[in-house]
PDB file of N, CA and C in Angstrom:
ATOM      1  N   MET A   1     -26.654 -11.778  14.141  1.00  0.00           N
ATOM      2  CA  MET A   1     -25.635 -10.973  14.788  1.00  0.00           C
ATOM      3  C   MET A   1     -25.793 -11.120  16.294  1.00  0.00           C
ATOM      4  N   TYR A   2     -24.675 -11.381  16.965  1.00  0.00           N
ATOM      5  CA  TYR A   2     -24.732 -11.549  18.415  1.00  0.00           C
ATOM      6  C   TYR A   2     -24.395 -10.251  19.143  1.00  0.00           C
ATOM      7  N   TYR A   3     -25.138  -9.980  20.172  1.00  0.00           N
ATOM      8  CA  TYR A   3     -24.797  -8.959  21.158  1.00  0.00           C
ATOM      9  C   TYR A   3     -25.478  -9.371  22.446  1.00  0.00           C
ATOM     10  N   PRO A   4     -24.894  -8.991  23.591  1.00  0.00           N
ATOM     11  CA  PRO A   4     -25.490  -9.393  24.873  1.00  0.00           C
ATOM     12  C   PRO A   4     -26.944  -8.933  24.963  1.00  0.00           C
ATOM     13  N   PRO A   5     -27.800  -9.731  25.555  1.00  0.00           N
ATOM     14  CA  PRO A   5     -29.239  -9.426  25.610  1.00  0.00           C
ATOM     15  C   PRO A   5     -29.583  -8.054  26.179  1.00  0.00           C
ATOM     16  N   PHE A   6     -28.813  -7.553  27.129  1.00  0.00           N
ATOM     17  CA  PHE A   6     -29.132  -6.280  27.771  1.00  0.00           C
ATOM     18  C   PHE A   6     -28.821  -5.074  26.891  1.00  0.00           C
ATOM     19  N   VAL A   7     -28.012  -5.241  25.855  1.00  0.00           N
ATOM     20  CA  VAL A   7     -27.518  -4.109  25.070  1.00  0.00           C
ATOM     21  C   VAL A   7     -28.647  -3.357  24.370  1.00  0.00           C
ATOM     22  N   ARG A   8     -29.534  -4.063  23.725  1.00  0.00           N
ATOM     23  CA  ARG A   8     -30.644  -3.401  23.023  1.00  0.00           C
ATOM     24  C   ARG A   8     -31.498  -2.621  24.006  1.00  0.00           C
ATOM     25  N   GLU A   9     -31.795  -3.222  25.149  1.00  0.00           N
ATOM     26  CA  GLU A   9     -32.638  -2.564  26.149  1.00  0.00           C
ATOM     27  C   GLU A   9     -31.995  -1.280  26.681  1.00  0.00           C
ATOM     28  N   ILE A  10     -30.707  -1.328  27.036  1.00  0.00           N
ATOM     29  CA  ILE A  10     -30.083  -0.117  27.569  1.00  0.00           C
ATOM     30  C   ILE A  10     -29.947   0.963  26.508  1.00  0.00           C
ATOM     31  N   ALA A  11     -29.686   0.550  25.263  1.00  0.00           N
ATOM     32  CA  ALA A  11     -29.571   1.543  24.188  1.00  0.00           C
ATOM     33  C   ALA A  11     -30.916   2.210  23.915  1.00  0.00           C
ATOM     34  N   MET A  12     -31.964   1.429  23.801  1.00  0.00           N
ATOM     35  CA  MET A  12     -33.278   1.972  23.465  1.00  0.00           C
ATOM     36  C   MET A  12     -33.881   2.790  24.614  1.00  0.00           C
ATOM     37  N   ASN A  13     -33.422   2.588  25.831  1.00  0.00           N
ATOM     38  CA  ASN A  13     -33.964   3.309  26.989  1.00  0.00           C
ATOM     39  C   ASN A  13     -33.116   4.495  27.416  1.00  0.00           C
ATOM     40  N   ASN A  14     -32.188   4.936  26.557  1.00  0.00           N
ATOM     41  CA  ASN A  14     -31.322   6.033  26.972  1.00  0.00           C
ATOM     42  C   ASN A  14     -31.948   7.409  26.745  1.00  0.00           C
ATOM     43  N   GLU A  15     -33.162   7.460  26.214  1.00  0.00           N
ATOM     44  CA  GLU A  15     -33.910   8.708  26.013  1.00  0.00           C
ATOM     45  C   GLU A  15     -33.179   9.721  25.137  1.00  0.00           C
ATOM     46  N   GLN A  16     -32.379   9.245  24.209  1.00  0.00           N
ATOM     47  CA  GLN A  16     -31.648  10.086  23.268  1.00  0.00           C
ATOM     48  C   GLN A  16     -32.185   9.820  21.862  1.00  0.00           C
ATOM     49  N   PRO A  17     -31.965  10.747  20.927  1.00  0.00           N
ATOM     50  CA  PRO A  17     -32.436  10.509  19.565  1.00  0.00           C
ATOM     51  C   PRO A  17     -31.644   9.411  18.857  1.00  0.00           C
ATOM     52  N   PHE A  18     -30.417   9.167  19.320  1.00  0.00           N
ATOM     53  CA  PHE A  18     -29.596   8.107  18.743  1.00  0.00           C
ATOM     54  C   PHE A  18     -29.364   7.064  19.821  1.00  0.00           C
ATOM     55  N   HIS A  19     -29.661   5.830  19.534  1.00  0.00           N
ATOM     56  CA  HIS A  19     -29.625   4.762  20.529  1.00  0.00           C
ATOM     57  C   HIS A  19     -28.366   3.926  20.348  1.00  0.00           C
ATOM     58  N   LEU A  20     -27.288   4.327  21.018  1.00  0.00           N
ATOM     59  CA  LEU A  20     -26.018   3.630  20.922  1.00  0.00           C
ATOM     60  C   LEU A  20     -25.641   2.979  22.232  1.00  0.00           C
ATOM     61  N   ALA A  21     -24.920   1.878  22.109  1.00  0.00           N
ATOM     62  CA  ALA A  21     -24.329   1.240  23.275  1.00  0.00           C
ATOM     63  C   ALA A  21     -22.958   0.741  22.870  1.00  0.00           C
ATOM     64  N   ALA A  22     -22.015   0.856  23.792  1.00  0.00           N
ATOM     65  CA  ALA A  22     -20.681   0.305  23.600  1.00  0.00           C
ATOM     66  C   ALA A  22     -20.418  -0.605  24.783  1.00  0.00           C
ATOM     67  N   TRP A  23     -19.752  -1.719  24.540  1.00  0.00           N
ATOM     68  CA  TRP A  23     -19.471  -2.617  25.643  1.00  0.00           C
ATOM     69  C   TRP A  23     -18.161  -3.354  25.422  1.00  0.00           C
ATOM     70  N   THR A  24     -17.675  -3.898  26.533  1.00  0.00           N
ATOM     71  CA  THR A  24     -16.508  -4.766  26.527  1.00  0.00           C
ATOM     72  C   THR A  24     -16.765  -5.834  27.568  1.00  0.00           C
ATOM     73  N   LYS A  25     -15.976  -6.879  27.535  1.00  0.00           N
ATOM     74  CA  LYS A  25     -16.136  -7.958  28.496  1.00  0.00           C
ATOM     75  C   LYS A  25     -14.841  -8.111  29.275  1.00  0.00           C
ATOM     76  N   LYS A  26     -14.949  -8.144  30.588  1.00  0.00           N
ATOM     77  CA  LYS A  26     -13.820  -8.368  31.482  1.00  0.00           C
ATOM     78  C   LYS A  26     -14.135  -9.604  32.305  1.00  0.00           C
ATOM     79  N   GLY A  27     -13.430 -10.688  32.027  1.00  0.00           N
ATOM     80  CA  GLY A  27     -13.746 -11.949  32.701  1.00  0.00           C
ATOM     81  C   GLY A  27     -15.139 -12.380  32.298  1.00  0.00           C
ATOM     82  N   SER A  28     -16.007 -12.585  33.256  1.00  0.00           N
ATOM     83  CA  SER A  28     -17.386 -12.982  32.944  1.00  0.00           C
ATOM     84  C   SER A  28     -18.348 -11.793  33.011  1.00  0.00           C
ATOM     85  N   SER A  29     -17.812 -10.594  33.227  1.00  0.00           N
ATOM     86  CA  SER A  29     -18.660  -9.407  33.366  1.00  0.00           C
ATOM     87  C   SER A  29     -18.628  -8.531  32.123  1.00  0.00           C
ATOM     88  N   PHE A  30     -19.773  -7.950  31.812  1.00  0.00           N
ATOM     89  CA  PHE A  30     -19.868  -6.967  30.739  1.00  0.00           C
ATOM     90  C   PHE A  30     -19.835  -5.574  31.362  1.00  0.00           C
ATOM     91  N   ILE A  31     -19.132  -4.660  30.714  1.00  0.00           N
ATOM     92  CA  ILE A  31     -19.127  -3.250  31.103  1.00  0.00           C
ATOM     93  C   ILE A  31     -19.664  -2.505  29.895  1.00  0.00           C
ATOM     94  N   TYR A  32     -20.580  -1.567  30.104  1.00  0.00           N
ATOM     95  CA  TYR A  32     -21.194  -0.886  28.965  1.00  0.00           C
ATOM     96  C   TYR A  32     -21.287   0.617  29.195  1.00  0.00           C
ATOM     97  N   GLY A  33     -21.503   1.326  28.095  1.00  0.00           N
ATOM     98  CA  GLY A  33     -21.757   2.754  28.130  1.00  0.00           C
ATOM     99  C   GLY A  33     -22.770   3.090  27.052  1.00  0.00           C
ATOM    100  N   THR A  34     -23.551   4.149  27.268  1.00  0.00           N
ATOM    101  CA  THR A  34     -24.501   4.608  26.257  1.00  0.00           C
ATOM    102  C   THR A  34     -24.294   6.100  26.042  1.00  0.00           C
ATOM    103  N   ASN A  35     -24.768   6.600  24.895  1.00  0.00           N
ATOM    104  CA  ASN A  35     -24.717   8.042  24.686  1.00  0.00           C
ATOM    105  C   ASN A  35     -25.668   8.701  25.679  1.00  0.00           C
ATOM    106  N   SER A  36     -25.310   9.920  26.118  1.00  0.00           N
ATOM    107  CA  SER A  36     -26.115  10.555  27.159  1.00  0.00           C
ATOM    108  C   SER A  36     -26.021  12.069  27.059  1.00  0.00           C
ATOM    109  N   ASP A  37     -26.792  12.730  27.910  1.00  0.00           N
ATOM    110  CA  ASP A  37     -26.761  14.192  27.995  1.00  0.00           C
ATOM    111  C   ASP A  37     -25.590  14.689  28.834  1.00  0.00           C
ATOM    112  N   GLU A  38     -24.857  13.765  29.460  1.00  0.00           N
ATOM    113  CA  GLU A  38     -23.706  14.190  30.244  1.00  0.00           C
ATOM    114  C   GLU A  38     -22.769  14.957  29.321  1.00  0.00           C
ATOM    115  N   CYS A  39     -22.302  16.084  29.771  1.00  0.00           N
ATOM    116  CA  CYS A  39     -21.502  16.965  28.914  1.00  0.00           C
ATOM    117  C   CYS A  39     -20.039  16.558  28.857  1.00  0.00           C
ATOM    118  N   SER A  40     -19.476  16.742  27.676  1.00  0.00           N
ATOM    119  CA  SER A  40     -18.058  16.540  27.462  1.00  0.00           C
ATOM    120  C   SER A  40     -17.626  17.493  26.360  1.00  0.00           C
ATOM    121  N   VAL A  41     -16.776  18.445  26.691  1.00  0.00           N
ATOM    122  CA  VAL A  41     -16.337  19.411  25.689  1.00  0.00           C
ATOM    123  C   VAL A  41     -15.509  18.753  24.593  1.00  0.00           C
ATOM    124  N   ARG A  42     -15.020  17.557  24.825  1.00  0.00           N
ATOM    125  CA  ARG A  42     -14.249  16.850  23.801  1.00  0.00           C
ATOM    126  C   ARG A  42     -15.126  16.450  22.614  1.00  0.00           C
ATOM    127  N   PHE A  43     -16.434  16.426  22.817  1.00  0.00           N
ATOM    128  CA  PHE A  43     -17.327  15.960  21.765  1.00  0.00           C
ATOM    129  C   PHE A  43     -18.316  17.033  21.333  1.00  0.00           C
ATOM    130  N   ARG A  44     -17.809  18.218  21.071  1.00  0.00           N
ATOM    131  CA  ARG A  44     -18.654  19.308  20.590  1.00  0.00           C
ATOM    132  C   ARG A  44     -19.180  18.944  19.206  1.00  0.00           C
ATOM    133  N   ARG A  45     -20.475  19.091  19.024  1.00  0.00           N
ATOM    134  CA  ARG A  45     -21.107  18.786  17.749  1.00  0.00           C
ATOM    135  C   ARG A  45     -22.040  19.907  17.354  1.00  0.00           C
ATOM    136  N   LYS A  46     -22.046  20.219  16.070  1.00  0.00           N
ATOM    137  CA  LYS A  46     -23.009  21.183  15.543  1.00  0.00           C
ATOM    138  C   LYS A  46     -24.001  20.389  14.702  1.00  0.00           C
ATOM    139  N   TYR A  47     -25.274  20.488  15.055  1.00  0.00           N
ATOM    140  CA  TYR A  47     -26.315  19.737  14.379  1.00  0.00           C
ATOM    141  C   TYR A  47     -26.864  20.511  13.179  1.00  0.00           C
ATOM    142  N   LYS A  48     -27.599  19.821  12.325  1.00  0.00           N
ATOM    143  CA  LYS A  48     -28.138  20.424  11.099  1.00  0.00           C
ATOM    144  C   LYS A  48     -29.007  21.648  11.377  1.00  0.00           C
ATOM    145  N   ASP A  49     -29.683  21.652  12.522  1.00  0.00           N
ATOM    146  CA  ASP A  49     -30.560  22.784  12.850  1.00  0.00           C
ATOM    147  C   ASP A  49     -29.792  23.953  13.482  1.00  0.00           C
ATOM    148  N   GLY A  50     -28.449  23.843  13.572  1.00  0.00           N
ATOM    149  CA  GLY A  50     -27.621  24.911  14.101  1.00  0.00           C
ATOM    150  C   GLY A  50     -27.308  24.802  15.590  1.00  0.00           C
ATOM    151  N   GLN A  51     -27.984  23.899  16.285  1.00  0.00           N
ATOM    152  CA  GLN A  51     -27.727  23.747  17.714  1.00  0.00           C
ATOM    153  C   GLN A  51     -26.361  23.099  17.936  1.00  0.00           C
ATOM    154  N   ILE A  52     -25.762  23.413  19.075  1.00  0.00           N
ATOM    155  CA  ILE A  52     -24.474  22.846  19.463  1.00  0.00           C
ATOM    156  C   ILE A  52     -24.710  21.926  20.644  1.00  0.00           C
ATOM    157  N   GLY A  53     -24.112  20.741  20.622  1.00  0.00           N
ATOM    158  CA  GLY A  53     -24.233  19.801  21.729  1.00  0.00           C
ATOM    159  C   GLY A  53     -22.868  19.317  22.175  1.00  0.00           C
ATOM    160  N   TYR A  54     -22.790  18.949  23.430  1.00  0.00           N
ATOM    161  CA  TYR A  54     -21.557  18.423  24.015  1.00  0.00           C
ATOM    162  C   TYR A  54     -21.859  17.084  24.671  1.00  0.00           C
ATOM    163  N   HIS A  55     -22.566  16.250  23.989  1.00  0.00           N
ATOM    164  CA  HIS A  55     -23.051  15.019  24.581  1.00  0.00           C
ATOM    165  C   HIS A  55     -21.979  13.941  24.632  1.00  0.00           C
ATOM    166  N   LEU A  56     -22.024  13.174  25.691  1.00  0.00           N
ATOM    167  CA  LEU A  56     -21.084  12.088  25.897  1.00  0.00           C
ATOM    168  C   LEU A  56     -21.435  10.937  24.963  1.00  0.00           C
ATOM    169  N   HIS A  57     -20.458  10.477  24.205  1.00  0.00           N
ATOM    170  CA  HIS A  57     -20.676   9.360  23.295  1.00  0.00           C
ATOM    171  C   HIS A  57     -20.545   8.046  24.061  1.00  0.00           C
ATOM    172  N   ALA A  58     -21.184   7.009  23.552  1.00  0.00           N
ATOM    173  CA  ALA A  58     -21.209   5.718  24.234  1.00  0.00           C
ATOM    174  C   ALA A  58     -19.804   5.176  24.480  1.00  0.00           C
ATOM    175  N   GLU A  59     -18.902   5.385  23.528  1.00  0.00           N
ATOM    176  CA  GLU A  59     -17.538   4.869  23.669  1.00  0.00           C
ATOM    177  C   GLU A  59     -16.823   5.529  24.846  1.00  0.00           C
ATOM    178  N   MET A  60     -17.008   6.840  24.990  1.00  0.00           N
ATOM    179  CA  MET A  60     -16.376   7.566  26.088  1.00  0.00           C
ATOM    180  C   MET A  60     -16.994   7.158  27.423  1.00  0.00           C
ATOM    181  N   ALA A  61     -18.308   6.990  27.450  1.00  0.00           N
ATOM    182  CA  ALA A  61     -18.985   6.555  28.674  1.00  0.00           C
ATOM    183  C   ALA A  61     -18.464   5.184  29.112  1.00  0.00           C
ATOM    184  N   LEU A  62     -18.248   4.308  28.154  1.00  0.00           N
ATOM    185  CA  LEU A  62     -17.707   2.984  28.468  1.00  0.00           C
ATOM    186  C   LEU A  62     -16.333   3.106  29.107  1.00  0.00           C
ATOM    187  N   LEU A  63     -15.446   3.881  28.491  1.00  0.00           N
ATOM    188  CA  LEU A  63     -14.086   3.991  29.020  1.00  0.00           C
ATOM    189  C   LEU A  63     -14.043   4.690  30.371  1.00  0.00           C
ATOM    190  N   LYS A  64     -14.988   5.588  30.634  1.00  0.00           N
ATOM    191  CA  LYS A  64     -15.057   6.215  31.961  1.00  0.00           C
ATOM    192  C   LYS A  64     -15.317   5.167  33.039  1.00  0.00           C
ATOM    193  N   LYS A  65     -16.099   4.143  32.695  1.00  0.00           N
ATOM    194  CA  LYS A  65     -16.401   3.078  33.655  1.00  0.00           C
ATOM    195  C   LYS A  65     -15.245   2.097  33.815  1.00  0.00           C
ATOM    196  N   CYS A  66     -14.306   2.129  32.894  1.00  0.00           N
ATOM    197  CA  CYS A  66     -13.196   1.160  32.892  1.00  0.00           C
ATOM    198  C   CYS A  66     -11.891   1.781  33.367  1.00  0.00           C
ATOM    199  N   LYS A  67     -11.945   2.817  34.173  1.00  0.00           N
ATOM    200  CA  LYS A  67     -10.738   3.535  34.574  1.00  0.00           C
ATOM    201  C   LYS A  67      -9.667   2.614  35.159  1.00  0.00           C
ATOM    202  N   GLU A  68     -10.052   1.692  36.025  1.00  0.00           N
ATOM    203  CA  GLU A  68      -9.065   0.820  36.667  1.00  0.00           C
ATOM    204  C   GLU A  68      -8.657  -0.347  35.769  1.00  0.00           C
ATOM    205  N   ASN A  69      -9.486  -0.691  34.803  1.00  0.00           N
ATOM    206  CA  ASN A  69      -9.224  -1.850  33.952  1.00  0.00           C
ATOM    207  C   ASN A  69      -8.919  -1.408  32.529  1.00  0.00           C
ATOM    208  N   ALA A  70      -7.734  -1.745  32.039  1.00  0.00           N
ATOM    209  CA  ALA A  70      -7.392  -1.428  30.653  1.00  0.00           C
ATOM    210  C   ALA A  70      -8.315  -2.204  29.716  1.00  0.00           C
ATOM    211  N   VAL A  71      -8.749  -1.557  28.671  1.00  0.00           N
ATOM    212  CA  VAL A  71      -9.635  -2.166  27.684  1.00  0.00           C
ATOM    213  C   VAL A  71      -8.924  -2.129  26.343  1.00  0.00           C
ATOM    214  N   ASP A  72      -8.819  -3.281  25.671  1.00  0.00           N
ATOM    215  CA  ASP A  72      -8.154  -3.268  24.369  1.00  0.00           C
ATOM    216  C   ASP A  72      -9.111  -3.517  23.210  1.00  0.00           C
ATOM    217  N   THR A  73     -10.320  -4.005  23.498  1.00  0.00           N
ATOM    218  CA  THR A  73     -11.312  -4.280  22.455  1.00  0.00           C
ATOM    219  C   THR A  73     -12.679  -3.809  22.930  1.00  0.00           C
ATOM    220  N   ILE A  74     -13.410  -3.117  22.046  1.00  0.00           N
ATOM    221  CA  ILE A  74     -14.782  -2.721  22.376  1.00  0.00           C
ATOM    222  C   ILE A  74     -15.707  -3.069  21.215  1.00  0.00           C
ATOM    223  N   HIS A  75     -16.998  -3.103  21.509  1.00  0.00           N
ATOM    224  CA  HIS A  75     -18.056  -3.317  20.527  1.00  0.00           C
ATOM    225  C   HIS A  75     -18.990  -2.118  20.606  1.00  0.00           C
ATOM    226  N   VAL A  76     -19.439  -1.628  19.443  1.00  0.00           N
ATOM    227  CA  VAL A  76     -20.353  -0.492  19.401  1.00  0.00           C
ATOM    228  C   VAL A  76     -21.515  -0.858  18.473  1.00  0.00           C
ATOM    229  N   ILE A  77     -22.734  -0.626  18.953  1.00  0.00           N
ATOM    230  CA  ILE A  77     -23.931  -0.952  18.171  1.00  0.00           C
ATOM    231  C   ILE A  77     -24.899   0.218  18.260  1.00  0.00           C
ATOM    232  N   ARG A  78     -25.621   0.459  17.164  1.00  0.00           N
ATOM    233  CA  ARG A  78     -26.624   1.537  17.129  1.00  0.00           C
ATOM    234  C   ARG A  78     -27.950   0.942  16.680  1.00  0.00           C
ATOM    235  N   PHE A  79     -29.003   1.411  17.322  1.00  0.00           N
ATOM    236  CA  PHE A  79     -30.358   0.993  16.968  1.00  0.00           C
ATOM    237  C   PHE A  79     -31.140   2.207  16.486  1.00  0.00           C
ATOM    238  N   LYS A  80     -31.921   2.018  15.429  1.00  0.00           N
ATOM    239  CA  LYS A  80     -32.859   3.052  15.008  1.00  0.00           C
ATOM    240  C   LYS A  80     -34.017   3.062  16.002  1.00  0.00           C
ATOM    241  N   LYS A  81     -34.884   4.057  15.882  1.00  0.00           N
ATOM    242  CA  LYS A  81     -36.025   4.151  16.800  1.00  0.00           C
ATOM    243  C   LYS A  81     -36.924   2.919  16.741  1.00  0.00           C
ATOM    244  N   ASP A  82     -36.949   2.250  15.576  1.00  0.00           N
ATOM    245  CA  ASP A  82     -37.772   1.051  15.448  1.00  0.00           C
ATOM    246  C   ASP A  82     -37.052  -0.201  15.940  1.00  0.00           C
ATOM    247  N   GLY A  83     -35.825  -0.058  16.453  1.00  0.00           N
ATOM    248  CA  GLY A  83     -35.076  -1.188  16.988  1.00  0.00           C
ATOM    249  C   GLY A  83     -34.162  -1.873  15.992  1.00  0.00           C
ATOM    250  N   GLU A  84     -34.210  -1.446  14.726  1.00  0.00           N
ATOM    251  CA  GLU A  84     -33.345  -2.042  13.708  1.00  0.00           C
ATOM    252  C   GLU A  84     -31.895  -1.599  13.943  1.00  0.00           C
ATOM    253  N   VAL A  85     -30.952  -2.521  13.737  1.00  0.00           N
ATOM    254  CA  VAL A  85     -29.535  -2.227  13.922  1.00  0.00           C
ATOM    255  C   VAL A  85     -29.003  -1.491  12.699  1.00  0.00           C
ATOM    256  N   THR A  86     -28.162  -0.470  12.927  1.00  0.00           N
ATOM    257  CA  THR A  86     -27.631   0.334  11.841  1.00  0.00           C
ATOM    258  C   THR A  86     -26.197   0.783  12.158  1.00  0.00           C
ATOM    259  N   MET A  87     -25.661   1.695  11.356  1.00  0.00           N
ATOM    260  CA  MET A  87     -24.266   2.143  11.432  1.00  0.00           C
ATOM    261  C   MET A  87     -23.890   2.678  12.817  1.00  0.00           C
ATOM    262  N   ALA A  88     -22.784   2.162  13.344  1.00  0.00           N
ATOM    263  CA  ALA A  88     -22.304   2.598  14.656  1.00  0.00           C
ATOM    264  C   ALA A  88     -20.795   2.828  14.667  1.00  0.00           C
ATOM    265  N   LYS A  89     -20.193   3.022  13.494  1.00  0.00           N
ATOM    266  CA  LYS A  89     -18.741   3.241  13.464  1.00  0.00           C
ATOM    267  C   LYS A  89     -18.416   4.497  14.270  1.00  0.00           C
ATOM    268  N   PRO A  90     -17.471   4.401  15.202  1.00  0.00           N
ATOM    269  CA  PRO A  90     -17.126   5.571  16.016  1.00  0.00           C
ATOM    270  C   PRO A  90     -16.651   6.741  15.151  1.00  0.00           C
ATOM    271  N   CYS A  91     -17.056   7.948  15.549  1.00  0.00           N
ATOM    272  CA  CYS A  91     -16.645   9.152  14.840  1.00  0.00           C
ATOM    273  C   CYS A  91     -15.136   9.370  15.021  1.00  0.00           C
ATOM    274  N   HIS A  92     -14.580  10.314  14.287  1.00  0.00           N
ATOM    275  CA  HIS A  92     -13.128  10.529  14.377  1.00  0.00           C
ATOM    276  C   HIS A  92     -12.712  11.024  15.763  1.00  0.00           C
ATOM    277  N   PHE A  93     -13.576  11.739  16.468  1.00  0.00           N
ATOM    278  CA  PHE A  93     -13.266  12.161  17.833  1.00  0.00           C
ATOM    279  C   PHE A  93     -13.155  10.936  18.749  1.00  0.00           C
ATOM    280  N   CYS A  94     -14.114  10.026  18.625  1.00  0.00           N
ATOM    281  CA  CYS A  94     -14.093   8.819  19.456  1.00  0.00           C
ATOM    282  C   CYS A  94     -12.907   7.927  19.108  1.00  0.00           C
ATOM    283  N   GLN A  95     -12.600   7.815  17.818  1.00  0.00           N
ATOM    284  CA  GLN A  95     -11.456   6.989  17.429  1.00  0.00           C
ATOM    285  C   GLN A  95     -10.175   7.507  18.080  1.00  0.00           C
ATOM    286  N   LYS A  96      -9.993   8.812  18.077  1.00  0.00           N
ATOM    287  CA  LYS A  96      -8.809   9.400  18.710  1.00  0.00           C
ATOM    288  C   LYS A  96      -8.823   9.124  20.213  1.00  0.00           C
ATOM    289  N   PHE A  97      -9.969   9.321  20.838  1.00  0.00           N
ATOM    290  CA  PHE A  97     -10.106   9.089  22.274  1.00  0.00           C
ATOM    291  C   PHE A  97      -9.800   7.630  22.619  1.00  0.00           C
ATOM    292  N   LEU A  98     -10.343   6.702  21.826  1.00  0.00           N
ATOM    293  CA  LEU A  98     -10.115   5.275  22.068  1.00  0.00           C
ATOM    294  C   LEU A  98      -8.631   4.941  21.953  1.00  0.00           C
ATOM    295  N   ARG A  99      -8.006   5.451  20.914  1.00  0.00           N
ATOM    296  CA  ARG A  99      -6.573   5.210  20.696  1.00  0.00           C
ATOM    297  C   ARG A  99      -5.763   5.728  21.887  1.00  0.00           C
ATOM    298  N   GLU A 100      -6.085   6.937  22.332  1.00  0.00           N
ATOM    299  CA  GLU A 100      -5.369   7.552  23.462  1.00  0.00           C
ATOM    300  C   GLU A 100      -5.546   6.760  24.758  1.00  0.00           C
ATOM    301  N   HIS A 101      -6.600   5.974  24.848  1.00  0.00           N
ATOM    302  CA  HIS A 101      -6.881   5.213  26.062  1.00  0.00           C
ATOM    303  C   HIS A 101      -6.591   3.716  25.912  1.00  0.00           C
ATOM    304  N   GLY A 102      -5.804   3.357  24.917  1.00  0.00           N
ATOM    305  CA  GLY A 102      -5.293   2.000  24.811  1.00  0.00           C
ATOM    306  C   GLY A 102      -6.145   0.983  24.080  1.00  0.00           C
ATOM    307  N   VAL A 103      -7.271   1.415  23.513  1.00  0.00           N
ATOM    308  CA  VAL A 103      -8.098   0.472  22.756  1.00  0.00           C
ATOM    309  C   VAL A 103      -7.387   0.149  21.445  1.00  0.00           C
ATOM    310  N   LYS A 104      -7.321  -1.123  21.121  1.00  0.00           N
ATOM    311  CA  LYS A 104      -6.609  -1.576  19.919  1.00  0.00           C
ATOM    312  C   LYS A 104      -7.548  -2.010  18.790  1.00  0.00           C
ATOM    313  N   LYS A 105      -8.721  -2.564  19.165  1.00  0.00           N
ATOM    314  CA  LYS A 105      -9.646  -3.076  18.146  1.00  0.00           C
ATOM    315  C   LYS A 105     -11.069  -2.666  18.478  1.00  0.00           C
ATOM    316  N   VAL A 106     -11.803  -2.255  17.429  1.00  0.00           N
ATOM    317  CA  VAL A 106     -13.193  -1.833  17.576  1.00  0.00           C
ATOM    318  C   VAL A 106     -14.066  -2.647  16.628  1.00  0.00           C
ATOM    319  N   TYR A 107     -15.090  -3.268  17.165  1.00  0.00           N
ATOM    320  CA  TYR A 107     -16.127  -3.924  16.373  1.00  0.00           C
ATOM    321  C   TYR A 107     -17.321  -2.981  16.365  1.00  0.00           C
ATOM    322  N   TYR A 108     -17.951  -2.812  15.216  1.00  0.00           N
ATOM    323  CA  TYR A 108     -19.101  -1.910  15.125  1.00  0.00           C
ATOM    324  C   TYR A 108     -20.062  -2.455  14.073  1.00  0.00           C
ATOM    325  N   THR A 109     -21.311  -2.015  14.150  1.00  0.00           N
ATOM    326  CA  THR A 109     -22.294  -2.432  13.156  1.00  0.00           C
ATOM    327  C   THR A 109     -22.274  -1.453  11.985  1.00  0.00           C
ATOM    328  N   ASN A 110     -22.433  -2.010  10.771  1.00  0.00           N
ATOM    329  CA  ASN A 110     -22.459  -1.172   9.566  1.00  0.00           C
ATOM    330  C   ASN A 110     -23.912  -0.838   9.208  1.00  0.00           C
ATOM    331  N   TRP A 111     -24.104  -0.177   8.056  1.00  0.00           N
ATOM    332  CA  TRP A 111     -25.454   0.242   7.635  1.00  0.00           C
ATOM    333  C   TRP A 111     -26.411  -0.928   7.485  1.00  0.00           C
ATOM    334  N   ASN A 112     -25.876  -2.122   7.224  1.00  0.00           N
ATOM    335  CA  ASN A 112     -26.726  -3.310   7.059  1.00  0.00           C
ATOM    336  C   ASN A 112     -26.928  -4.064   8.366  1.00  0.00           C
ATOM    337  N   GLY A 113     -26.397  -3.526   9.461  1.00  0.00           N
ATOM    338  CA  GLY A 113     -26.536  -4.197  10.748  1.00  0.00           C
ATOM    339  C   GLY A 113     -25.575  -5.353  10.933  1.00  0.00           C
ATOM    340  N   GLU A 114     -24.550  -5.428  10.103  1.00  0.00           N
ATOM    341  CA  GLU A 114     -23.560  -6.502  10.192  1.00  0.00           C
ATOM    342  C   GLU A 114     -22.332  -5.993  10.928  1.00  0.00           C
ATOM    343  N   TRP A 115     -21.607  -6.903  11.564  1.00  0.00           N
ATOM    344  CA  TRP A 115     -20.407  -6.533  12.312  1.00  0.00           C
ATOM    345  C   TRP A 115     -19.224  -6.324  11.386  1.00  0.00           C
ATOM    346  N   GLU A 116     -18.471  -5.249  11.618  1.00  0.00           N
ATOM    347  CA  GLU A 116     -17.206  -4.968  10.962  1.00  0.00           C
ATOM    348  C   GLU A 116     -16.225  -4.590  12.065  1.00  0.00           C
ATOM    349  N   SER A 117     -14.953  -4.474  11.728  1.00  0.00           N
ATOM    350  CA  SER A 117     -13.972  -4.089  12.733  1.00  0.00           C
ATOM    351  C   SER A 117     -12.844  -3.297  12.101  1.00  0.00           C
ATOM    352  N   PHE A 118     -12.096  -2.605  12.943  1.00  0.00           N
ATOM    353  CA  PHE A 118     -10.872  -1.942  12.492  1.00  0.00           C
ATOM    354  C   PHE A 118      -9.908  -1.891  13.671  1.00  0.00           C
ATOM    355  N   LEU A 119      -8.637  -1.765  13.326  1.00  0.00           N
ATOM    356  CA  LEU A 119      -7.583  -1.636  14.327  1.00  0.00           C
ATOM    357  C   LEU A 119      -7.242  -0.176  14.500  1.00  0.00           C
ATOM    358  N   LEU A 120      -6.921   0.217  15.716  1.00  0.00           N
ATOM    359  CA  LEU A 120      -6.515   1.596  15.986  1.00  0.00           C
ATOM    360  C   LEU A 120      -4.997   1.687  16.038  1.00  0.00           C
TER     361      LEU A 120
END
């Protein structure tokens, strides 16, 4: 499975329990986003332990960096703590956000670490 060399490093160094990265390519440049503690009320989540979080998802972080440049295709990858690639399909909140911001196609890793895609 191909992904830019920097993606694993930025995902694993985001100091979050879930190591996600989303990226797109504009010309010869890569633009990326990772999940973070930055707050976004659009992504309210209730965790199994009852805590509520408003953490910025990697897909939203990516699109925040692409304000001037329209993005029609993105890639999303998730790494387990041991570095193994796993499911990264965007949640329904992210899918809606991506659609609203002009993204047409999403590539993501499945449970087996293989690439899949869907159209928005």
